[in-house]
Amino acid sequence: MSRHLLLLLLGMAILASAMPLQANAEIDPARQGELLHLLRHDCGSCHGMTLKGGLGPALLPDTLAGKPAATLEATVLYGRAGTPMPPWRGLLTEAEVAWLVAILMKGVPDAP
């Protein structure tokens, strides 16, 4: 692993541990639907429409297993420097990102 990537991951972990993300925050059911749409379409445009990977890595429970939720949340909020992964902090709240990460780690439900 390159030194730059290691420092980036370390910095993200420190930021994530300093942020009180609200994983159990209540997300309105209508907003949940919007977030699932965003996940399937916006995230799916890079991570594959079935989230099995594409330009970005797979976002399936088995590929995310063992990764700390806080690290995944920081990746979504702040993006990944030097990659096409953009920061979503201006569009999503910390609670929404925590909810999305929890859904990804459990498995995204089928589209209604």
C-alpha atoms as a PDB file:
ATOM      1  CA  MET A   1       0.000   0.000   0.000  1.00  0.00           C
ATOM      2  CA  SER A   2       1.392   3.377  -0.930  1.00  0.00           C
ATOM      3  CA  ARG A   3       2.301   5.839   1.805  1.00  0.00           C
ATOM      4  CA  HIS A   4      -0.138   8.408   0.373  1.00  0.00           C
ATOM      5  CA  LEU A   5      -3.044   5.950   0.483  1.00  0.00           C
ATOM      6  CA  LEU A   6      -2.116   4.825   3.978  1.00  0.00           C
ATOM      7  CA  LEU A   7      -2.035   8.442   5.210  1.00  0.00           C
ATOM      8  CA  LEU A   8      -5.366   9.138   3.503  1.00  0.00           C
ATOM      9  CA  LEU A   9      -6.995   6.129   5.158  1.00  0.00           C
ATOM     10  CA  LEU A  10      -5.520   7.035   8.520  1.00  0.00           C
ATOM     11  CA  GLY A  11      -6.784  10.605   8.205  1.00  0.00           C
ATOM     12  CA  MET A  12     -10.251   9.381   7.228  1.00  0.00           C
ATOM     13  CA  ALA A  13     -10.316   7.018  10.201  1.00  0.00           C
ATOM     14  CA  ILE A  14      -9.341   9.836  12.556  1.00  0.00           C
ATOM     15  CA  LEU A  15     -12.008  12.120  11.102  1.00  0.00           C
ATOM     16  CA  ALA A  16     -14.596   9.362  11.277  1.00  0.00           C
ATOM     17  CA  SER A  17     -13.835   8.603  14.897  1.00  0.00           C
ATOM     18  CA  ALA A  18     -14.098  12.291  15.769  1.00  0.00           C
ATOM     19  CA  MET A  19     -17.506  12.681  14.118  1.00  0.00           C
ATOM     20  CA  PRO A  20     -20.527  11.501  16.047  1.00  0.00           C
ATOM     21  CA  LEU A  21     -22.357   9.889  13.107  1.00  0.00           C
ATOM     22  CA  GLN A  22     -25.912   8.949  13.912  1.00  0.00           C
ATOM     23  CA  ALA A  23     -26.210   5.384  12.592  1.00  0.00           C
ATOM     24  CA  ASN A  24     -29.511   4.883  14.385  1.00  0.00           C
ATOM     25  CA  ALA A  25     -31.027   8.221  13.425  1.00  0.00           C
ATOM     26  CA  GLU A  26     -34.569   8.027  12.169  1.00  0.00           C
ATOM     27  CA  ILE A  27     -34.813   8.644   8.422  1.00  0.00           C
ATOM     28  CA  ASP A  28     -38.273   9.512   7.115  1.00  0.00           C
ATOM     29  CA  PRO A  29     -39.700   6.684   4.938  1.00  0.00           C
ATOM     30  CA  ALA A  30     -40.088   9.029   1.951  1.00  0.00           C
ATOM     31  CA  ARG A  31     -36.436  10.063   2.288  1.00  0.00           C
ATOM     32  CA  GLN A  32     -35.445   6.399   2.580  1.00  0.00           C
ATOM     33  CA  GLY A  33     -37.042   5.835  -0.826  1.00  0.00           C
ATOM     34  CA  GLU A  34     -35.095   8.766  -2.268  1.00  0.00           C
ATOM     35  CA  LEU A  35     -31.861   7.451  -0.750  1.00  0.00           C
ATOM     36  CA  LEU A  36     -32.438   3.977  -2.184  1.00  0.00           C
ATOM     37  CA  HIS A  37     -33.077   5.549  -5.596  1.00  0.00           C
ATOM     38  CA  LEU A  38     -29.835   7.524  -5.268  1.00  0.00           C
ATOM     39  CA  LEU A  39     -27.999   4.356  -4.232  1.00  0.00           C
ATOM     40  CA  ARG A  40     -29.284   2.315  -7.150  1.00  0.00           C
ATOM     41  CA  HIS A  41     -28.779   5.004  -9.780  1.00  0.00           C
ATOM     42  CA  ASP A  42     -26.131   7.507  -8.727  1.00  0.00           C
ATOM     43  CA  CYS A  43     -23.905   5.061  -6.833  1.00  0.00           C
ATOM     44  CA  GLY A  44     -24.832   2.323  -9.294  1.00  0.00           C
ATOM     45  CA  SER A  45     -23.506   4.373 -12.211  1.00  0.00           C
ATOM     46  CA  CYS A  46     -19.966   3.697 -10.938  1.00  0.00           C
ATOM     47  CA  HIS A  47     -20.372   0.693  -8.654  1.00  0.00           C
ATOM     48  CA  GLY A  48     -22.586  -1.190 -11.115  1.00  0.00           C
ATOM     49  CA  MET A  49     -26.370  -1.117 -11.296  1.00  0.00           C
ATOM     50  CA  THR A  50     -26.451  -4.317  -9.214  1.00  0.00           C
ATOM     51  CA  LEU A  51     -23.645  -2.920  -6.985  1.00  0.00           C
ATOM     52  CA  LYS A  52     -21.403  -5.831  -8.016  1.00  0.00           C
ATOM     53  CA  GLY A  53     -18.677  -3.436  -9.128  1.00  0.00           C
ATOM     54  CA  GLY A  54     -17.764  -1.414 -12.175  1.00  0.00           C
ATOM     55  CA  LEU A  55     -15.561   1.663 -12.189  1.00  0.00           C
ATOM     56  CA  GLY A  56     -15.833   1.487  -8.399  1.00  0.00           C
ATOM     57  CA  PRO A  57     -15.639  -1.637  -6.238  1.00  0.00           C
ATOM     58  CA  ALA A  58     -18.586  -3.871  -5.365  1.00  0.00           C
ATOM     59  CA  LEU A  59     -20.840  -2.632  -2.575  1.00  0.00           C
ATOM     60  CA  LEU A  60     -22.166  -5.985  -1.403  1.00  0.00           C
ATOM     61  CA  PRO A  61     -22.323  -7.248   2.190  1.00  0.00           C
ATOM     62  CA  ASP A  62     -19.593  -9.852   1.604  1.00  0.00           C
ATOM     63  CA  THR A  63     -17.221  -7.312   0.045  1.00  0.00           C
ATOM     64  CA  LEU A  64     -17.891  -4.787   2.817  1.00  0.00           C
ATOM     65  CA  ALA A  65     -17.599  -7.342   5.636  1.00  0.00           C
ATOM     66  CA  GLY A  66     -14.833  -6.469   8.069  1.00  0.00           C
ATOM     67  CA  LYS A  67     -14.686  -2.835   7.001  1.00  0.00           C
ATOM     68  CA  PRO A  68     -15.578  -0.407   9.795  1.00  0.00           C
ATOM     69  CA  ALA A  69     -18.828   1.451   9.157  1.00  0.00           C
ATOM     70  CA  ALA A  70     -17.144   4.702  10.200  1.00  0.00           C
ATOM     71  CA  THR A  71     -14.537   4.288   7.463  1.00  0.00           C
ATOM     72  CA  LEU A  72     -17.204   3.622   4.832  1.00  0.00           C
ATOM     73  CA  GLU A  73     -19.198   6.628   6.036  1.00  0.00           C
ATOM     74  CA  ALA A  74     -16.121   8.851   5.811  1.00  0.00           C
ATOM     75  CA  THR A  75     -15.488   7.601   2.276  1.00  0.00           C
ATOM     76  CA  VAL A  76     -19.008   8.579   1.225  1.00  0.00           C
ATOM     77  CA  LEU A  77     -18.910  11.927   3.010  1.00  0.00           C
ATOM     78  CA  TYR A  78     -15.426  13.006   1.919  1.00  0.00           C
ATOM     79  CA  GLY A  79     -14.777  10.973  -1.233  1.00  0.00           C
ATOM     80  CA  ARG A  80     -11.433   9.388  -2.043  1.00  0.00           C
ATOM     81  CA  ALA A  81      -8.645  11.619  -3.284  1.00  0.00           C
ATOM     82  CA  GLY A  82      -7.050  10.458  -6.508  1.00  0.00           C
ATOM     83  CA  THR A  83     -10.093   8.384  -7.485  1.00  0.00           C
ATOM     84  CA  PRO A  84     -13.419   9.165  -9.176  1.00  0.00           C
ATOM     85  CA  MET A  85     -15.202   8.782  -5.786  1.00  0.00           C
ATOM     86  CA  PRO A  86     -16.707  12.218  -5.071  1.00  0.00           C
ATOM     87  CA  PRO A  87     -17.599  13.631  -1.663  1.00  0.00           C
ATOM     88  CA  TRP A  88     -21.331  13.507  -0.944  1.00  0.00           C
ATOM     89  CA  ARG A  89     -21.208  15.659   2.215  1.00  0.00           C
ATOM     90  CA  GLY A  90     -22.940  18.635   0.614  1.00  0.00           C
ATOM     91  CA  LEU A  91     -25.837  16.499  -0.635  1.00  0.00           C
ATOM     92  CA  LEU A  92     -26.298  13.978   2.171  1.00  0.00           C
ATOM     93  CA  THR A  93     -26.378  14.377   5.924  1.00  0.00           C
ATOM     94  CA  GLU A  94     -24.216  12.288   8.223  1.00  0.00           C
ATOM     95  CA  ALA A  95     -27.329  10.436   9.401  1.00  0.00           C
ATOM     96  CA  GLU A  96     -28.336   9.651   5.802  1.00  0.00           C
ATOM     97  CA  VAL A  97     -24.861   8.346   5.003  1.00  0.00           C
ATOM     98  CA  ALA A  98     -24.893   6.186   8.137  1.00  0.00           C
ATOM     99  CA  TRP A  99     -28.273   4.802   7.066  1.00  0.00           C
ATOM    100  CA  LEU A 100     -27.009   4.064   3.548  1.00  0.00           C
ATOM    101  CA  VAL A 101     -23.901   2.309   4.872  1.00  0.00           C
ATOM    102  CA  ALA A 102     -26.053   0.206   7.201  1.00  0.00           C
ATOM    103  CA  ILE A 103     -28.267  -0.780   4.242  1.00  0.00           C
ATOM    104  CA  LEU A 104     -25.218  -1.664   2.134  1.00  0.00           C
ATOM    105  CA  MET A 105     -23.761  -3.787   4.914  1.00  0.00           C
ATOM    106  CA  LYS A 106     -27.066  -5.687   5.313  1.00  0.00           C
ATOM    107  CA  GLY A 107     -27.839  -5.883   1.605  1.00  0.00           C
ATOM    108  CA  VAL A 108     -29.875  -3.471  -0.477  1.00  0.00           C
ATOM    109  CA  PRO A 109     -33.529  -4.542  -0.728  1.00  0.00           C
ATOM    110  CA  ASP A 110     -34.935  -5.250  -4.156  1.00  0.00           C
ATOM    111  CA  ALA A 111     -36.501  -2.307  -5.926  1.00  0.00           C
ATOM    112  CA  PRO A 112     -40.275  -2.036  -5.336  1.00  0.00           C
END
